[in-house]
Amino acid sequence: MKKLITLFFGTALLFSTSAFSDVMVGVKVGNGDLEGTSKAYTAGSNAYASSTGSKDSQFGAIFAEVSLMDTGLSVGVEYVPLDADISLDGKGSSTSANVEDYTTAYLLYMHEVSDANIYAKLGYSQADIGAIKNAAGTTVNSQSNDLEGLMVGAGFQTDELFDNGVVGRFEITYTDIDDVTATTTSHGSSSVKKTADGELVTITFGLSKSF
């Protein structure tokens, strides 16, 4: 993801020198609902069924976009300057992992319908997963280091709200989070692979300005 961010800002610098493109920067706030599903596994003589849990929380993000001439397309990157401790099995902080640097690189297409501006987004999201805090009697042998997945979204952009070029956006996104795994000791077994995936839905309102 850091390579994608470097590529984006390199592209932004290139296009910002052109009279045919704009650079837009903005902030957004809203609510995210994360649903995670752990897959069934066996540890020793114990079998554990698949289970699903969800958590919602408010969050904020900053973003920047570069329009690609007069095509209606923009290349963008969004960054959440917050981190979170996510519990892996509902037992609280004793078995949690810290997730930070949640970043999404995306392509946006804006289209004017009557007096409205609607848009669609397609991108890829990634965050860093810190070391898992293991419970007493359990050793984490290996784990996934990244949380990542494909993002799709749609939104509505207002006309200029003030005389300084600021516009508003209302947006909904869905991210299909790929499998994350951890291999641990458990119930006498020296190597038990535990896998889970997730879905993230966000609803946000943002303000942005073109330069």
Protein backbone atom coordinates (compact mmCIF):
# COMPACT_ATOMS: atom_id res chain seq x y z
CA MET A 1 0.00 0.00 0.00
CA LYS A 2 2.85 2.42 0.68
CA LYS A 3 3.96 1.90 -2.93
CA LEU A 4 0.43 2.75 -4.10
CA ILE A 5 0.47 5.94 -2.04
CA THR A 6 3.83 6.94 -3.52
CA LEU A 7 2.48 6.25 -7.01
CA PHE A 8 -0.62 8.32 -6.33
CA PHE A 9 1.24 11.38 -5.13
CA GLY A 10 3.64 11.10 -8.05
CA THR A 11 0.63 11.09 -10.37
CA ALA A 12 -0.91 14.00 -8.48
CA LEU A 13 2.24 16.05 -8.93
CA LEU A 14 2.28 15.29 -12.65
CA PHE A 15 -1.37 16.17 -13.29
CA SER A 16 -1.43 19.20 -10.99
CA THR A 17 0.86 20.96 -13.46
CA SER A 18 -1.72 20.53 -16.22
CA ALA A 19 -4.51 23.00 -17.00
CA PHE A 20 -6.77 20.02 -17.72
CA SER A 21 -6.93 18.56 -14.22
CA ASP A 22 -7.79 19.48 -10.64
CA VAL A 23 -6.51 18.27 -7.31
CA MET A 24 -9.20 17.80 -4.66
CA VAL A 25 -8.53 17.33 -0.95
CA GLY A 26 -11.07 16.72 1.79
CA VAL A 27 -12.13 15.21 5.08
CA LYS A 28 -14.96 12.83 5.91
CA VAL A 29 -16.64 11.51 9.06
CA GLY A 30 -19.17 8.78 9.55
CA ASN A 31 -19.97 5.33 10.83
CA GLY A 32 -18.42 1.99 9.94
CA ASP A 33 -19.94 -1.44 10.62
CA LEU A 34 -17.46 -4.34 10.62
CA GLU A 35 -18.76 -7.91 10.50
CA GLY A 36 -16.24 -10.72 10.98
CA THR A 37 -16.70 -14.45 10.47
CA SER A 38 -14.33 -17.03 11.92
CA LYS A 39 -14.16 -20.34 10.08
CA ALA A 40 -14.60 -23.69 11.79
CA TYR A 41 -11.45 -25.41 13.08
CA THR A 42 -10.36 -28.33 15.27
CA ALA A 43 -7.89 -28.08 18.15
CA GLY A 44 -6.94 -31.37 19.77
CA SER A 45 -10.19 -33.22 20.41
CA ASN A 46 -12.24 -30.01 20.39
CA ALA A 47 -14.20 -28.86 17.32
CA TYR A 48 -15.15 -25.19 17.02
CA ALA A 49 -17.95 -24.09 14.72
CA SER A 50 -17.89 -21.03 12.53
CA SER A 51 -19.12 -17.87 14.26
CA THR A 52 -19.95 -14.31 13.27
CA GLY A 53 -19.79 -11.05 15.19
CA SER A 54 -20.09 -7.37 14.35
CA LYS A 55 -19.08 -3.98 15.73
CA ASP A 56 -19.86 -0.45 14.59
CA SER A 57 -17.92 2.72 15.36
CA GLN A 58 -17.54 6.33 14.28
CA PHE A 59 -14.38 7.30 12.41
CA GLY A 60 -12.79 10.03 10.32
CA ALA A 61 -10.59 10.06 7.23
CA ILE A 62 -8.72 12.41 4.92
CA PHE A 63 -8.55 11.99 1.16
CA ALA A 64 -7.03 13.47 -1.99
CA GLU A 65 -7.95 13.01 -5.65
CA VAL A 66 -6.56 13.99 -9.03
CA SER A 67 -8.99 14.30 -11.95
CA LEU A 68 -7.84 12.74 -15.22
CA MET A 69 -8.47 15.59 -17.65
CA ASP A 70 -12.11 15.77 -18.83
CA THR A 71 -12.92 12.06 -18.56
CA GLY A 72 -14.96 12.21 -15.34
CA LEU A 73 -12.38 9.86 -13.80
CA SER A 74 -10.24 10.62 -10.76
CA VAL A 75 -7.48 8.72 -8.99
CA GLY A 76 -7.66 8.96 -5.21
CA VAL A 77 -6.26 7.82 -1.90
CA GLU A 78 -7.96 7.86 1.50
CA TYR A 79 -6.28 7.50 4.89
CA VAL A 80 -7.79 6.88 8.34
CA PRO A 81 -5.44 8.54 10.89
CA LEU A 82 -6.74 6.34 13.72
CA ASP A 83 -5.96 2.87 15.03
CA ALA A 84 -8.11 0.29 16.78
CA ASP A 85 -7.72 -2.80 18.93
CA ILE A 86 -9.81 -5.62 17.48
CA SER A 87 -10.68 -8.61 19.64
CA LEU A 88 -10.18 -11.90 17.84
CA ASP A 89 -12.53 -14.16 19.79
CA GLY A 90 -14.74 -11.99 21.97
CA LYS A 91 -12.55 -12.32 25.04
CA GLY A 92 -11.43 -8.70 25.08
CA SER A 93 -7.95 -7.19 25.15
CA SER A 94 -6.19 -10.43 26.18
CA THR A 95 -6.47 -11.76 22.62
CA SER A 96 -6.68 -8.56 20.55
CA ALA A 97 -4.57 -7.10 17.78
CA ASN A 98 -3.96 -3.48 16.86
CA VAL A 99 -4.93 -2.37 13.35
CA GLU A 100 -3.55 0.90 11.96
CA ASP A 101 -2.73 2.84 8.77
CA TYR A 102 -6.01 1.92 7.06
CA THR A 103 -5.52 3.22 3.51
CA THR A 104 -7.56 2.90 0.33
CA ALA A 105 -6.37 3.63 -3.21
CA TYR A 106 -9.28 4.03 -5.62
CA LEU A 107 -10.62 5.10 -8.99
CA LEU A 108 -13.71 7.37 -8.98
CA TYR A 109 -16.08 8.16 -11.84
CA MET A 110 -18.25 11.28 -11.54
CA HIS A 111 -21.37 11.75 -13.67
CA GLU A 112 -23.83 14.64 -13.79
CA VAL A 113 -27.51 13.71 -13.86
CA SER A 114 -29.81 16.73 -14.23
CA ASP A 115 -28.55 19.05 -11.49
CA ALA A 116 -26.96 16.29 -9.40
CA ASN A 117 -23.45 14.85 -9.37
CA ILE A 118 -23.31 11.14 -8.60
CA TYR A 119 -20.24 8.95 -8.53
CA ALA A 120 -19.02 5.38 -8.21
CA LYS A 121 -15.75 4.18 -6.65
CA LEU A 122 -13.64 1.06 -7.02
CA GLY A 123 -10.51 0.55 -4.95
CA TYR A 124 -8.35 -1.60 -2.75
CA SER A 125 -7.97 -1.16 1.02
CA GLN A 126 -5.17 -2.24 3.31
CA ALA A 127 -4.22 -1.85 6.98
CA ASP A 128 -1.33 -3.10 9.11
CA ILE A 129 -2.05 -5.73 11.77
CA GLY A 130 0.12 -5.61 14.87
CA ALA A 131 1.25 -8.58 16.92
CA ILE A 132 -1.60 -10.61 18.41
CA LYS A 133 -1.81 -10.56 22.18
CA ASN A 134 -2.02 -14.23 23.08
CA ALA A 135 -4.02 -15.59 26.00
CA ALA A 136 -2.35 -17.51 28.82
CA GLY A 137 -1.35 -21.00 27.73
CA THR A 138 -1.43 -20.12 24.02
CA THR A 139 1.49 -19.27 21.74
CA VAL A 140 1.04 -17.47 18.42
CA ASN A 141 3.38 -19.15 15.93
CA SER A 142 2.51 -17.02 12.89
CA GLN A 143 -0.11 -14.52 11.77
CA SER A 144 -1.27 -12.31 8.91
CA ASN A 145 0.34 -8.87 8.90
CA ASP A 146 -2.16 -7.15 6.60
CA LEU A 147 -5.91 -6.58 6.56
CA GLU A 148 -6.94 -5.98 2.94
CA GLY A 149 -9.78 -6.27 0.47
CA LEU A 150 -11.66 -4.88 -2.51
CA MET A 151 -13.79 -1.76 -1.97
CA VAL A 152 -16.79 -0.53 -3.99
CA GLY A 153 -18.79 2.59 -3.26
CA ALA A 154 -21.27 5.16 -4.51
CA GLY A 155 -22.04 8.70 -3.54
CA PHE A 156 -23.58 12.09 -4.23
CA GLN A 157 -21.63 15.33 -4.52
CA THR A 158 -23.34 18.68 -3.93
CA ASP A 159 -22.83 21.85 -5.87
CA GLU A 160 -20.56 24.48 -4.36
CA LEU A 161 -21.68 25.14 -0.78
CA PHE A 162 -19.85 28.40 -0.32
CA ASP A 163 -18.10 30.92 -2.54
CA ASN A 164 -14.72 29.31 -1.84
CA GLY A 165 -15.31 26.16 -3.89
CA VAL A 166 -16.10 23.75 -1.02
CA VAL A 167 -18.49 20.91 -1.91
CA GLY A 168 -20.14 18.23 0.18
CA ARG A 169 -20.30 14.47 -0.33
CA PHE A 170 -22.57 11.73 1.00
CA GLU A 171 -21.11 8.27 0.44
CA ILE A 172 -21.68 4.56 1.09
CA THR A 173 -18.91 1.96 0.68
CA TYR A 174 -18.60 -1.80 1.01
CA THR A 175 -15.28 -3.62 1.50
CA ASP A 176 -14.90 -7.39 1.19
CA ILE A 177 -12.03 -8.22 3.54
CA ASP A 178 -9.82 -11.15 2.56
CA ASP A 179 -8.95 -14.04 4.88
CA VAL A 180 -6.64 -13.32 7.79
CA THR A 181 -5.00 -16.20 9.64
CA ALA A 182 -3.20 -17.02 12.84
CA THR A 183 -1.46 -20.29 13.66
CA THR A 184 -1.32 -21.06 17.39
CA THR A 185 -0.83 -23.77 19.94
CA SER A 186 -4.18 -24.82 21.40
CA HIS A 187 -5.52 -27.66 23.57
CA GLY A 188 -2.40 -29.78 23.18
CA SER A 189 -2.05 -29.18 19.44
CA SER A 190 1.24 -27.56 18.44
CA SER A 191 -0.14 -25.92 15.28
CA VAL A 192 -3.77 -24.88 14.81
CA LYS A 193 -4.65 -22.59 11.91
CA LYS A 194 -7.46 -20.15 12.62
CA THR A 195 -8.95 -18.17 9.73
CA ALA A 196 -11.49 -15.37 9.47
CA ASP A 197 -12.75 -12.88 6.91
CA GLY A 198 -14.99 -9.83 7.10
CA GLU A 199 -17.17 -7.19 5.53
CA LEU A 200 -17.01 -3.46 6.22
CA VAL A 201 -19.84 -1.04 5.40
CA THR A 202 -19.35 2.71 5.87
CA ILE A 203 -21.69 5.68 5.60
CA THR A 204 -19.96 9.06 5.60
CA PHE A 205 -20.36 12.77 4.95
CA GLY A 206 -17.40 14.80 3.73
CA LEU A 207 -16.28 18.27 2.70
CA SER A 208 -13.73 18.80 -0.06
CA LYS A 209 -12.18 21.56 -2.12
CA SER A 210 -10.52 21.62 -5.54
CA PHE A 211 -7.27 23.44 -6.32
